[in-house]
Amino acid sequence: TLNQPGDGAVLVIDGDGSIATALMGDMIAEAGVRNGWNGVVINGAVRDREALAEMEFGIKALASNPRKSSKDGAGEIDVTVEIGGATVRPGAMVFADADGVAVEKQAAETQR
């Protein structure tokens, strides 16, 4: 979905916490930059860390792994995900800094 217009949003990707393969690398991140996304939060791994660090694009992931994912499934869009004990619903405000990620509690509660 980083190939679609992002309008300043943050994409949250639930990779079930697996770090066996990377769910995003520099080429996918570049698409996000081009399409106006502010960043991604990935419950999984990324690759191309040095290139990602040079981008004006926020990235939070569990780890890095040079191995590409197999792209077996397209995934789901606009669904609620549970990451690290937090419920992230479509449209929720997500904040991140060097210390971690937080989800706006009020937004999460009003969308129940």
PDB file of N, CA and C in Angstrom:
ATOM      1  N   THR A   1       0.808  -1.207   0.000  1.00  0.00           N
ATOM      2  CA  THR A   1       0.000   0.000   0.000  1.00  0.00           C
ATOM      3  C   THR A   1       0.849   1.268   0.000  1.00  0.00           C
ATOM      4  N   LEU A   2       2.152   1.165   0.167  1.00  0.00           N
ATOM      5  CA  LEU A   2       2.992   2.354   0.069  1.00  0.00           C
ATOM      6  C   LEU A   2       3.053   2.868  -1.363  1.00  0.00           C
ATOM      7  N   ASN A   3       2.541   2.094  -2.309  1.00  0.00           N
ATOM      8  CA  ASN A   3       2.437   2.540  -3.693  1.00  0.00           C
ATOM      9  C   ASN A   3       1.201   3.394  -3.917  1.00  0.00           C
ATOM     10  N   GLN A   4       0.356   3.534  -2.908  1.00  0.00           N
ATOM     11  CA  GLN A   4      -0.843   4.367  -2.977  1.00  0.00           C
ATOM     12  C   GLN A   4      -0.583   5.669  -2.232  1.00  0.00           C
ATOM     13  N   PRO A   5      -1.365   6.733  -2.511  1.00  0.00           N
ATOM     14  CA  PRO A   5      -1.179   7.995  -1.788  1.00  0.00           C
ATOM     15  C   PRO A   5      -1.324   7.815  -0.280  1.00  0.00           C
ATOM     16  N   GLY A   6      -0.389   8.380   0.483  1.00  0.00           N
ATOM     17  CA  GLY A   6      -0.399   8.224   1.933  1.00  0.00           C
ATOM     18  C   GLY A   6      -0.940   9.422   2.687  1.00  0.00           C
ATOM     19  N   ASP A   7      -0.918  10.598   2.074  1.00  0.00           N
ATOM     20  CA  ASP A   7      -1.452  11.814   2.696  1.00  0.00           C
ATOM     21  C   ASP A   7      -0.911  12.035   4.106  1.00  0.00           C
ATOM     22  N   GLY A   8       0.369  11.760   4.326  1.00  0.00           N
ATOM     23  CA  GLY A   8       0.997  12.009   5.618  1.00  0.00           C
ATOM     24  C   GLY A   8       0.733  10.961   6.678  1.00  0.00           C
ATOM     25  N   ALA A   9       0.138   9.854   6.308  1.00  0.00           N
ATOM     26  CA  ALA A   9      -0.201   8.802   7.273  1.00  0.00           C
ATOM     27  C   ALA A   9       1.000   7.907   7.571  1.00  0.00           C
ATOM     28  N   VAL A  10       0.834   7.086   8.604  1.00  0.00           N
ATOM     29  CA  VAL A  10       1.816   6.070   8.972  1.00  0.00           C
ATOM     30  C   VAL A  10       1.177   4.710   8.740  1.00  0.00           C
ATOM     31  N   LEU A  11       1.843   3.843   8.010  1.00  0.00           N
ATOM     32  CA  LEU A  11       1.339   2.496   7.742  1.00  0.00           C
ATOM     33  C   LEU A  11       1.808   1.561   8.846  1.00  0.00           C
ATOM     34  N   VAL A  12       0.876   0.820   9.434  1.00  0.00           N
ATOM     35  CA  VAL A  12       1.199  -0.158  10.472  1.00  0.00           C
ATOM     36  C   VAL A  12       1.090  -1.544   9.850  1.00  0.00           C
ATOM     37  N   ILE A  13       2.175  -2.318   9.924  1.00  0.00           N
ATOM     38  CA  ILE A  13       2.241  -3.642   9.306  1.00  0.00           C
ATOM     39  C   ILE A  13       2.463  -4.681  10.389  1.00  0.00           C
ATOM     40  N   ASP A  14       1.567  -5.651  10.471  1.00  0.00           N
ATOM     41  CA  ASP A  14       1.708  -6.722  11.455  1.00  0.00           C
ATOM     42  C   ASP A  14       2.300  -7.952  10.784  1.00  0.00           C
ATOM     43  N   GLY A  15       3.575  -8.188  11.040  1.00  0.00           N
ATOM     44  CA  GLY A  15       4.255  -9.367  10.521  1.00  0.00           C
ATOM     45  C   GLY A  15       4.352 -10.471  11.553  1.00  0.00           C
ATOM     46  N   ASP A  16       3.429 -10.461  12.516  1.00  0.00           N
ATOM     47  CA  ASP A  16       3.386 -11.464  13.592  1.00  0.00           C
ATOM     48  C   ASP A  16       4.680 -11.521  14.398  1.00  0.00           C
ATOM     49  N   GLY A  17       5.459 -10.459  14.370  1.00  0.00           N
ATOM     50  CA  GLY A  17       6.690 -10.427  15.151  1.00  0.00           C
ATOM     51  C   GLY A  17       7.814 -11.266  14.581  1.00  0.00           C
ATOM     52  N   SER A  18       7.631 -11.790  13.375  1.00  0.00           N
ATOM     53  CA  SER A  18       8.666 -12.625  12.765  1.00  0.00           C
ATOM     54  C   SER A  18       9.806 -11.760  12.231  1.00  0.00           C
ATOM     55  N   ILE A  19      11.021 -12.169  12.522  1.00  0.00           N
ATOM     56  CA  ILE A  19      12.188 -11.486  11.964  1.00  0.00           C
ATOM     57  C   ILE A  19      12.965 -12.419  11.028  1.00  0.00           C
ATOM     58  N   ALA A  20      12.311 -13.489  10.577  1.00  0.00           N
ATOM     59  CA  ALA A  20      12.949 -14.469   9.693  1.00  0.00           C
ATOM     60  C   ALA A  20      13.226 -13.902   8.307  1.00  0.00           C
ATOM     61  N   THR A  21      12.392 -12.965   7.859  1.00  0.00           N
ATOM     62  CA  THR A  21      12.597 -12.287   6.580  1.00  0.00           C
ATOM     63  C   THR A  21      12.211 -10.824   6.748  1.00  0.00           C
ATOM     64  N   ALA A  22      12.691  -9.985   5.840  1.00  0.00           N
ATOM     65  CA  ALA A  22      12.378  -8.557   5.885  1.00  0.00           C
ATOM     66  C   ALA A  22      11.083  -8.276   5.139  1.00  0.00           C
ATOM     67  N   LEU A  23      10.228  -7.459   5.740  1.00  0.00           N
ATOM     68  CA  LEU A  23       8.963  -7.089   5.110  1.00  0.00           C
ATOM     69  C   LEU A  23       9.076  -5.817   4.282  1.00  0.00           C
ATOM     70  N   MET A  24      10.185  -5.077   4.431  1.00  0.00           N
ATOM     71  CA  MET A  24      10.370  -3.851   3.671  1.00  0.00           C
ATOM     72  C   MET A  24      11.850  -3.577   3.503  1.00  0.00           C
ATOM     73  N   GLY A  25      12.192  -3.045   2.330  1.00  0.00           N
ATOM     74  CA  GLY A  25      13.549  -2.605   2.052  1.00  0.00           C
ATOM     75  C   GLY A  25      13.525  -1.205   1.475  1.00  0.00           C
ATOM     76  N   ASP A  26      14.668  -0.774   0.936  1.00  0.00           N
ATOM     77  CA  ASP A  26      14.774   0.599   0.461  1.00  0.00           C
ATOM     78  C   ASP A  26      13.849   0.931  -0.700  1.00  0.00           C
ATOM     79  N   MET A  27      13.611   0.004  -1.607  1.00  0.00           N
ATOM     80  CA  MET A  27      12.765   0.313  -2.766  1.00  0.00           C
ATOM     81  C   MET A  27      11.309   0.537  -2.357  1.00  0.00           C
ATOM     82  N   ILE A  28      10.806  -0.271  -1.450  1.00  0.00           N
ATOM     83  CA  ILE A  28       9.433  -0.086  -0.974  1.00  0.00           C
ATOM     84  C   ILE A  28       9.338   1.209  -0.168  1.00  0.00           C
ATOM     85  N   ALA A  29      10.341   1.483   0.661  1.00  0.00           N
ATOM     86  CA  ALA A  29      10.341   2.727   1.437  1.00  0.00           C
ATOM     87  C   ALA A  29      10.384   3.945   0.520  1.00  0.00           C
ATOM     88  N   GLU A  30      11.160   3.881  -0.557  1.00  0.00           N
ATOM     89  CA  GLU A  30      11.210   4.988  -1.515  1.00  0.00           C
ATOM     90  C   GLU A  30       9.841   5.241  -2.126  1.00  0.00           C
ATOM     91  N   ALA A  31       9.076   4.186  -2.376  1.00  0.00           N
ATOM     92  CA  ALA A  31       7.707   4.348  -2.882  1.00  0.00           C
ATOM     93  C   ALA A  31       6.860   5.093  -1.858  1.00  0.00           C
ATOM     94  N   GLY A  32       7.045   4.773  -0.583  1.00  0.00           N
ATOM     95  CA  GLY A  32       6.316   5.474   0.467  1.00  0.00           C
ATOM     96  C   GLY A  32       6.644   6.956   0.504  1.00  0.00           C
ATOM     97  N   VAL A  33       7.915   7.287   0.357  1.00  0.00           N
ATOM     98  CA  VAL A  33       8.337   8.688   0.334  1.00  0.00           C
ATOM     99  C   VAL A  33       7.692   9.396  -0.854  1.00  0.00           C
ATOM    100  N   ARG A  34       7.788   8.806  -2.039  1.00  0.00           N
ATOM    101  CA  ARG A  34       7.212   9.401  -3.254  1.00  0.00           C
ATOM    102  C   ARG A  34       5.712   9.627  -3.128  1.00  0.00           C
ATOM    103  N   ASN A  35       5.026   8.742  -2.410  1.00  0.00           N
ATOM    104  CA  ASN A  35       3.567   8.801  -2.334  1.00  0.00           C
ATOM    105  C   ASN A  35       3.044   9.512  -1.090  1.00  0.00           C
ATOM    106  N   GLY A  36       3.918  10.198  -0.367  1.00  0.00           N
ATOM    107  CA  GLY A  36       3.470  11.063   0.709  1.00  0.00           C
ATOM    108  C   GLY A  36       3.195  10.405   2.050  1.00  0.00           C
ATOM    109  N   TRP A  37       3.728   9.209   2.298  1.00  0.00           N
ATOM    110  CA  TRP A  37       3.596   8.569   3.610  1.00  0.00           C
ATOM    111  C   TRP A  37       4.623   9.181   4.549  1.00  0.00           C
ATOM    112  N   ASN A  38       4.283   9.277   5.838  1.00  0.00           N
ATOM    113  CA  ASN A  38       5.252   9.768   6.828  1.00  0.00           C
ATOM    114  C   ASN A  38       6.148   8.663   7.342  1.00  0.00           C
ATOM    115  N   GLY A  39       5.684   7.420   7.293  1.00  0.00           N
ATOM    116  CA  GLY A  39       6.511   6.328   7.769  1.00  0.00           C
ATOM    117  C   GLY A  39       5.741   5.047   7.954  1.00  0.00           C
ATOM    118  N   VAL A  40       6.425   4.066   8.559  1.00  0.00           N
ATOM    119  CA  VAL A  40       5.834   2.755   8.817  1.00  0.00           C
ATOM    120  C   VAL A  40       6.225   2.270  10.208  1.00  0.00           C
ATOM    121  N   VAL A  41       5.340   1.487  10.798  1.00  0.00           N
ATOM    122  CA  VAL A  41       5.623   0.737  12.018  1.00  0.00           C
ATOM    123  C   VAL A  41       5.446  -0.718  11.628  1.00  0.00           C
ATOM    124  N   ILE A  42       6.495  -1.519  11.770  1.00  0.00           N
ATOM    125  CA  ILE A  42       6.469  -2.903  11.305  1.00  0.00           C
ATOM    126  C   ILE A  42       6.712  -3.852  12.468  1.00  0.00           C
ATOM    127  N   ASN A  43       5.760  -4.723  12.706  1.00  0.00           N
ATOM    128  CA  ASN A  43       5.917  -5.792  13.695  1.00  0.00           C
ATOM    129  C   ASN A  43       6.620  -6.940  12.980  1.00  0.00           C
ATOM    130  N   GLY A  44       7.866  -6.707  12.649  1.00  0.00           N
ATOM    131  CA  GLY A  44       8.683  -7.629  11.870  1.00  0.00           C
ATOM    132  C   GLY A  44       9.998  -6.941  11.533  1.00  0.00           C
ATOM    133  N   ALA A  45      10.669  -7.433  10.514  1.00  0.00           N
ATOM    134  CA  ALA A  45      12.003  -6.939  10.162  1.00  0.00           C
ATOM    135  C   ALA A  45      12.001  -6.121   8.875  1.00  0.00           C
ATOM    136  N   VAL A  46      13.054  -5.322   8.713  1.00  0.00           N
ATOM    137  CA  VAL A  46      13.325  -4.578   7.484  1.00  0.00           C
ATOM    138  C   VAL A  46      14.710  -4.983   6.982  1.00  0.00           C
ATOM    139  N   ARG A  47      15.049  -4.536   5.790  1.00  0.00           N
ATOM    140  CA  ARG A  47      16.396  -4.738   5.263  1.00  0.00           C
ATOM    141  C   ARG A  47      16.901  -3.413   4.702  1.00  0.00           C
ATOM    142  N   ASP A  48      18.122  -3.372   4.231  1.00  0.00           N
ATOM    143  CA  ASP A  48      18.721  -2.155   3.658  1.00  0.00           C
ATOM    144  C   ASP A  48      18.760  -1.018   4.685  1.00  0.00           C
ATOM    145  N   ARG A  49      19.146  -1.335   5.913  1.00  0.00           N
ATOM    146  CA  ARG A  49      19.125  -0.364   7.011  1.00  0.00           C
ATOM    147  C   ARG A  49      19.895   0.915   6.724  1.00  0.00           C
ATOM    148  N   GLU A  50      21.050   0.814   6.115  1.00  0.00           N
ATOM    149  CA  GLU A  50      21.836   2.022   5.848  1.00  0.00           C
ATOM    150  C   GLU A  50      21.104   2.955   4.898  1.00  0.00           C
ATOM    151  N   ALA A  51      20.519   2.418   3.844  1.00  0.00           N
ATOM    152  CA  ALA A  51      19.754   3.240   2.901  1.00  0.00           C
ATOM    153  C   ALA A  51      18.507   3.812   3.569  1.00  0.00           C
ATOM    154  N   LEU A  52      17.834   3.014   4.389  1.00  0.00           N
ATOM    155  CA  LEU A  52      16.633   3.488   5.080  1.00  0.00           C
ATOM    156  C   LEU A  52      16.958   4.641   6.020  1.00  0.00           C
ATOM    157  N   ALA A  53      18.108   4.587   6.674  1.00  0.00           N
ATOM    158  CA  ALA A  53      18.494   5.628   7.630  1.00  0.00           C
ATOM    159  C   ALA A  53      18.720   6.979   6.956  1.00  0.00           C
ATOM    160  N   GLU A  54      19.027   6.974   5.672  1.00  0.00           N
ATOM    161  CA  GLU A  54      19.275   8.213   4.932  1.00  0.00           C
ATOM    162  C   GLU A  54      17.987   8.877   4.456  1.00  0.00           C
ATOM    163  N   MET A  55      16.873   8.189   4.520  1.00  0.00           N
ATOM    164  CA  MET A  55      15.608   8.702   3.978  1.00  0.00           C
ATOM    165  C   MET A  55      14.873   9.585   4.976  1.00  0.00           C
ATOM    166  N   GLU A  56      14.107  10.526   4.442  1.00  0.00           N
ATOM    167  CA  GLU A  56      13.197  11.343   5.249  1.00  0.00           C
ATOM    168  C   GLU A  56      11.902  10.556   5.397  1.00  0.00           C
ATOM    169  N   PHE A  57      11.971   9.477   6.173  1.00  0.00           N
ATOM    170  CA  PHE A  57      10.852   8.538   6.272  1.00  0.00           C
ATOM    171  C   PHE A  57      10.992   7.817   7.602  1.00  0.00           C
ATOM    172  N   GLY A  58       9.982   7.927   8.454  1.00  0.00           N
ATOM    173  CA  GLY A  58      10.046   7.294   9.764  1.00  0.00           C
ATOM    174  C   GLY A  58       9.841   5.792   9.683  1.00  0.00           C
ATOM    175  N   ILE A  59      10.730   5.035  10.309  1.00  0.00           N
ATOM    176  CA  ILE A  59      10.636   3.573  10.275  1.00  0.00           C
ATOM    177  C   ILE A  59      10.903   3.015  11.662  1.00  0.00           C
ATOM    178  N   LYS A  60       9.966   2.226  12.152  1.00  0.00           N
ATOM    179  CA  LYS A  60      10.142   1.480  13.397  1.00  0.00           C
ATOM    180  C   LYS A  60       9.907   0.016  13.066  1.00  0.00           C
ATOM    181  N   ALA A  61      10.867  -0.828  13.390  1.00  0.00           N
ATOM    182  CA  ALA A  61      10.759  -2.266  13.141  1.00  0.00           C
ATOM    183  C   ALA A  61      11.456  -3.004  14.274  1.00  0.00           C
ATOM    184  N   LEU A  62      11.184  -4.288  14.384  1.00  0.00           N
ATOM    185  CA  LEU A  62      11.778  -5.087  15.449  1.00  0.00           C
ATOM    186  C   LEU A  62      13.252  -5.387  15.216  1.00  0.00           C
ATOM    187  N   ALA A  63      13.646  -5.530  13.955  1.00  0.00           N
ATOM    188  CA  ALA A  63      15.020  -5.944  13.641  1.00  0.00           C
ATOM    189  C   ALA A  63      15.286  -5.708  12.161  1.00  0.00           C
ATOM    190  N   SER A  64      16.496  -6.046  11.739  1.00  0.00           N
ATOM    191  CA  SER A  64      16.795  -6.064  10.309  1.00  0.00           C
ATOM    192  C   SER A  64      17.266  -7.461   9.931  1.00  0.00           C
ATOM    193  N   ASN A  65      17.001  -7.818   8.691  1.00  0.00           N
ATOM    194  CA  ASN A  65      17.394  -9.117   8.163  1.00  0.00           C
ATOM    195  C   ASN A  65      17.582  -8.935   6.659  1.00  0.00           C
ATOM    196  N   PRO A  66      18.693  -9.352   6.089  1.00  0.00           N
ATOM    197  CA  PRO A  66      18.914  -9.149   4.661  1.00  0.00           C
ATOM    198  C   PRO A  66      18.045 -10.026   3.759  1.00  0.00           C
ATOM    199  N   ARG A  67      17.392 -11.009   4.314  1.00  0.00           N
ATOM    200  CA  ARG A  67      16.594 -11.941   3.513  1.00  0.00           C
ATOM    201  C   ARG A  67      15.251 -11.320   3.116  1.00  0.00           C
ATOM    202  N   LYS A  68      14.941 -11.350   1.809  1.00  0.00           N
ATOM    203  CA  LYS A  68      13.659 -10.851   1.304  1.00  0.00           C
ATOM    204  C   LYS A  68      12.529 -11.788   1.705  1.00  0.00           C
ATOM    205  N   SER A  69      11.335 -11.217   1.854  1.00  0.00           N
ATOM    206  CA  SER A  69      10.158 -12.056   2.098  1.00  0.00           C
ATOM    207  C   SER A  69       9.721 -12.682   0.779  1.00  0.00           C
ATOM    208  N   SER A  70       8.912 -13.731   0.867  1.00  0.00           N
ATOM    209  CA  SER A  70       8.497 -14.453  -0.339  1.00  0.00           C
ATOM    210  C   SER A  70       7.287 -13.844  -1.021  1.00  0.00           C
ATOM    211  N   LYS A  71       6.635 -12.868  -0.401  1.00  0.00           N
ATOM    212  CA  LYS A  71       5.462 -12.201  -0.982  1.00  0.00           C
ATOM    213  C   LYS A  71       4.352 -13.193  -1.313  1.00  0.00           C
ATOM    214  N   ASP A  72       4.124 -14.150  -0.409  1.00  0.00           N
ATOM    215  CA  ASP A  72       3.089 -15.162  -0.633  1.00  0.00           C
ATOM    216  C   ASP A  72       1.680 -14.590  -0.618  1.00  0.00           C
ATOM    217  N   GLY A  73       1.401 -13.678   0.281  1.00  0.00           N
ATOM    218  CA  GLY A  73       0.050 -13.136   0.401  1.00  0.00           C
ATOM    219  C   GLY A  73       0.063 -11.627   0.327  1.00  0.00           C
ATOM    220  N   ALA A  74      -1.055 -11.070  -0.107  1.00  0.00           N
ATOM    221  CA  ALA A  74      -1.148  -9.624  -0.253  1.00  0.00           C
ATOM    222  C   ALA A  74      -1.437  -8.936   1.069  1.00  0.00           C
ATOM    223  N   GLY A  75      -1.900  -9.686   2.065  1.00  0.00           N
ATOM    224  CA  GLY A  75      -2.243  -9.074   3.341  1.00  0.00           C
ATOM    225  C   GLY A  75      -3.615  -8.442   3.300  1.00  0.00           C
ATOM    226  N   GLU A  76      -3.955  -7.762   4.382  1.00  0.00           N
ATOM    227  CA  GLU A  76      -5.245  -7.099   4.491  1.00  0.00           C
ATOM    228  C   GLU A  76      -5.025  -5.618   4.742  1.00  0.00           C
ATOM    229  N   ILE A  77      -5.961  -4.816   4.290  1.00  0.00           N
ATOM    230  CA  ILE A  77      -5.880  -3.368   4.438  1.00  0.00           C
ATOM    231  C   ILE A  77      -7.045  -2.893   5.291  1.00  0.00           C
ATOM    232  N   ASP A  78      -6.799  -1.868   6.107  1.00  0.00           N
ATOM    233  CA  ASP A  78      -7.828  -1.263   6.963  1.00  0.00           C
ATOM    234  C   ASP A  78      -8.442  -2.258   7.929  1.00  0.00           C
ATOM    235  N   VAL A  79      -7.589  -2.997   8.626  1.00  0.00           N
ATOM    236  CA  VAL A  79      -8.047  -3.935   9.652  1.00  0.00           C
ATOM    237  C   VAL A  79      -7.367  -3.584  10.974  1.00  0.00           C
ATOM    238  N   THR A  80      -7.977  -3.979  12.072  1.00  0.00           N
ATOM    239  CA  THR A  80      -7.402  -3.788  13.394  1.00  0.00           C
ATOM    240  C   THR A  80      -6.303  -4.812  13.618  1.00  0.00           C
ATOM    241  N   VAL A  81      -5.166  -4.364  14.163  1.00  0.00           N
ATOM    242  CA  VAL A  81      -4.061  -5.270  14.473  1.00  0.00           C
ATOM    243  C   VAL A  81      -3.652  -5.089  15.929  1.00  0.00           C
ATOM    244  N   GLU A  82      -3.122  -6.148  16.508  1.00  0.00           N
ATOM    245  CA  GLU A  82      -2.581  -6.130  17.868  1.00  0.00           C
ATOM    246  C   GLU A  82      -1.065  -6.244  17.755  1.00  0.00           C
ATOM    247  N   ILE A  83      -0.374  -5.235  18.254  1.00  0.00           N
ATOM    248  CA  ILE A  83       1.085  -5.235  18.191  1.00  0.00           C
ATOM    249  C   ILE A  83       1.633  -4.863  19.561  1.00  0.00           C
ATOM    250  N   GLY A  84       2.423  -5.737  20.131  1.00  0.00           N
ATOM    251  CA  GLY A  84       3.056  -5.455  21.412  1.00  0.00           C
ATOM    252  C   GLY A  84       2.080  -5.101  22.512  1.00  0.00           C
ATOM    253  N   GLY A  85       0.914  -5.704  22.492  1.00  0.00           N
ATOM    254  CA  GLY A  85      -0.096  -5.431  23.508  1.00  0.00           C
ATOM    255  C   GLY A  85      -0.959  -4.217  23.221  1.00  0.00           C
ATOM    256  N   ALA A  86      -0.702  -3.523  22.129  1.00  0.00           N
ATOM    257  CA  ALA A  86      -1.504  -2.352  21.755  1.00  0.00           C
ATOM    258  C   ALA A  86      -2.435  -2.704  20.603  1.00  0.00           C
ATOM    259  N   THR A  87      -3.653  -2.215  20.689  1.00  0.00           N
ATOM    260  CA  THR A  87      -4.616  -2.380  19.604  1.00  0.00           C
ATOM    261  C   THR A  87      -4.517  -1.164  18.698  1.00  0.00           C
ATOM    262  N   VAL A  88      -4.268  -1.403  17.418  1.00  0.00           N
ATOM    263  CA  VAL A  88      -4.170  -0.318  16.446  1.00  0.00           C
ATOM    264  C   VAL A  88      -5.301  -0.499  15.444  1.00  0.00           C
ATOM    265  N   ARG A  89      -6.235   0.454  15.461  1.00  0.00           N
ATOM    266  CA  ARG A  89      -7.382   0.408  14.560  1.00  0.00           C
ATOM    267  C   ARG A  89      -7.130   1.342  13.376  1.00  0.00           C
ATOM    268  N   PRO A  90      -7.752   1.082  12.232  1.00  0.00           N
ATOM    269  CA  PRO A  90      -7.600   1.990  11.091  1.00  0.00           C
ATOM    270  C   PRO A  90      -7.947   3.424  11.492  1.00  0.00           C
ATOM    271  N   GLY A  91      -7.109   4.361  11.134  1.00  0.00           N
ATOM    272  CA  GLY A  91      -7.334   5.765  11.440  1.00  0.00           C
ATOM    273  C   GLY A  91      -6.796   6.217  12.781  1.00  0.00           C
ATOM    274  N   ALA A  92      -6.276   5.309  13.598  1.00  0.00           N
ATOM    275  CA  ALA A  92      -5.738   5.683  14.910  1.00  0.00           C
ATOM    276  C   ALA A  92      -4.497   6.551  14.739  1.00  0.00           C
ATOM    277  N   MET A  93      -4.280   7.443  15.689  1.00  0.00           N
ATOM    278  CA  MET A  93      -3.083   8.270  15.691  1.00  0.00           C
ATOM    279  C   MET A  93      -1.937   7.444  16.266  1.00  0.00           C
ATOM    280  N   VAL A  94      -0.840   7.366  15.523  1.00  0.00           N
ATOM    281  CA  VAL A  94       0.335   6.612  15.943  1.00  0.00           C
ATOM    282  C   VAL A  94       1.500   7.595  16.058  1.00  0.00           C
ATOM    283  N   PHE A  95       2.201   7.541  17.188  1.00  0.00           N
ATOM    284  CA  PHE A  95       3.326   8.435  17.443  1.00  0.00           C
ATOM    285  C   PHE A  95       4.570   7.590  17.695  1.00  0.00           C
ATOM    286  N   ALA A  96       5.711   8.036  17.176  1.00  0.00           N
ATOM    287  CA  ALA A  96       6.949   7.283  17.379  1.00  0.00           C
ATOM    288  C   ALA A  96       8.115   8.243  17.551  1.00  0.00           C
ATOM    289  N   ASP A  97       9.068   7.829  18.368  1.00  0.00           N
ATOM    290  CA  ASP A  97      10.331   8.544  18.499  1.00  0.00           C
ATOM    291  C   ASP A  97      11.419   7.514  18.770  1.00  0.00           C
ATOM    292  N   ALA A  98      12.586   7.968  19.175  1.00  0.00           N
ATOM    293  CA  ALA A  98      13.708   7.053  19.389  1.00  0.00           C
ATOM    294  C   ALA A  98      13.439   6.031  20.489  1.00  0.00           C
ATOM    295  N   ASP A  99      12.501   6.325  21.385  1.00  0.00           N
ATOM    296  CA  ASP A  99      12.207   5.418  22.493  1.00  0.00           C
ATOM    297  C   ASP A  99      11.142   4.376  22.187  1.00  0.00           C
ATOM    298  N   GLY A 100      10.347   4.569  21.150  1.00  0.00           N
ATOM    299  CA  GLY A 100       9.321   3.578  20.845  1.00  0.00           C
ATOM    300  C   GLY A 100       8.119   4.153  20.135  1.00  0.00           C
ATOM    301  N   VAL A 101       7.006   3.427  20.225  1.00  0.00           N
ATOM    302  CA  VAL A 101       5.776   3.758  19.505  1.00  0.00           C
ATOM    303  C   VAL A 101       4.624   3.810  20.497  1.00  0.00           C
ATOM    304  N   ALA A 102       3.728   4.779  20.309  1.00  0.00           N
ATOM    305  CA  ALA A 102       2.523   4.882  21.137  1.00  0.00           C
ATOM    306  C   ALA A 102       1.320   5.076  20.227  1.00  0.00           C
ATOM    307  N   VAL A 103       0.184   4.538  20.654  1.00  0.00           N
ATOM    308  CA  VAL A 103      -1.067   4.687  19.916  1.00  0.00           C
ATOM    309  C   VAL A 103      -2.001   5.521  20.776  1.00  0.00           C
ATOM    310  N   GLU A 104      -2.625   6.529  20.175  1.00  0.00           N
ATOM    311  CA  GLU A 104      -3.548   7.391  20.903  1.00  0.00           C
ATOM    312  C   GLU A 104      -4.703   6.570  21.459  1.00  0.00           C
ATOM    313  N   LYS A 105      -4.820   6.542  22.773  1.00  0.00           N
ATOM    314  CA  LYS A 105      -5.827   5.714  23.432  1.00  0.00           C
ATOM    315  C   LYS A 105      -7.240   6.153  23.081  1.00  0.00           C
ATOM    316  N   GLN A 106      -7.516   7.446  23.077  1.00  0.00           N
ATOM    317  CA  GLN A 106      -8.861   7.929  22.789  1.00  0.00           C
ATOM    318  C   GLN A 106      -9.308   7.488  21.399  1.00  0.00           C
ATOM    319  N   ALA A 107      -8.443   7.592  20.409  1.00  0.00           N
ATOM    320  CA  ALA A 107      -8.802   7.178  19.052  1.00  0.00           C
ATOM    321  C   ALA A 107      -9.109   5.694  19.017  1.00  0.00           C
ATOM    322  N   ALA A 108      -8.354   4.922  19.758  1.00  0.00           N
ATOM    323  CA  ALA A 108      -8.586   3.479  19.785  1.00  0.00           C
ATOM    324  C   ALA A 108      -9.927   3.160  20.436  1.00  0.00           C
ATOM    325  N   GLU A 109     -10.292   3.877  21.500  1.00  0.00           N
ATOM    326  CA  GLU A 109     -11.535   3.595  22.211  1.00  0.00           C
ATOM    327  C   GLU A 109     -12.760   4.062  21.443  1.00  0.00           C
ATOM    328  N   THR A 110     -12.671   5.194  20.739  1.00  0.00           N
ATOM    329  CA  THR A 110     -13.844   5.719  20.048  1.00  0.00           C
ATOM    330  C   THR A 110     -14.197   4.919  18.810  1.00  0.00           C
ATOM    331  N   GLN A 111     -13.303   4.096  18.333  1.00  0.00           N
ATOM    332  CA  GLN A 111     -13.575   3.320  17.128  1.00  0.00           C
ATOM    333  C   GLN A 111     -14.062   1.919  17.432  1.00  0.00           C
ATOM    334  N   ARG A 112     -14.356   1.603  18.678  1.00  0.00           N
ATOM    335  CA  ARG A 112     -14.825   0.257  19.034  1.00  0.00           C
ATOM    336  C   ARG A 112     -16.194  -0.012  18.504  1.00  0.00           C
TER     337      ARG A 112
END
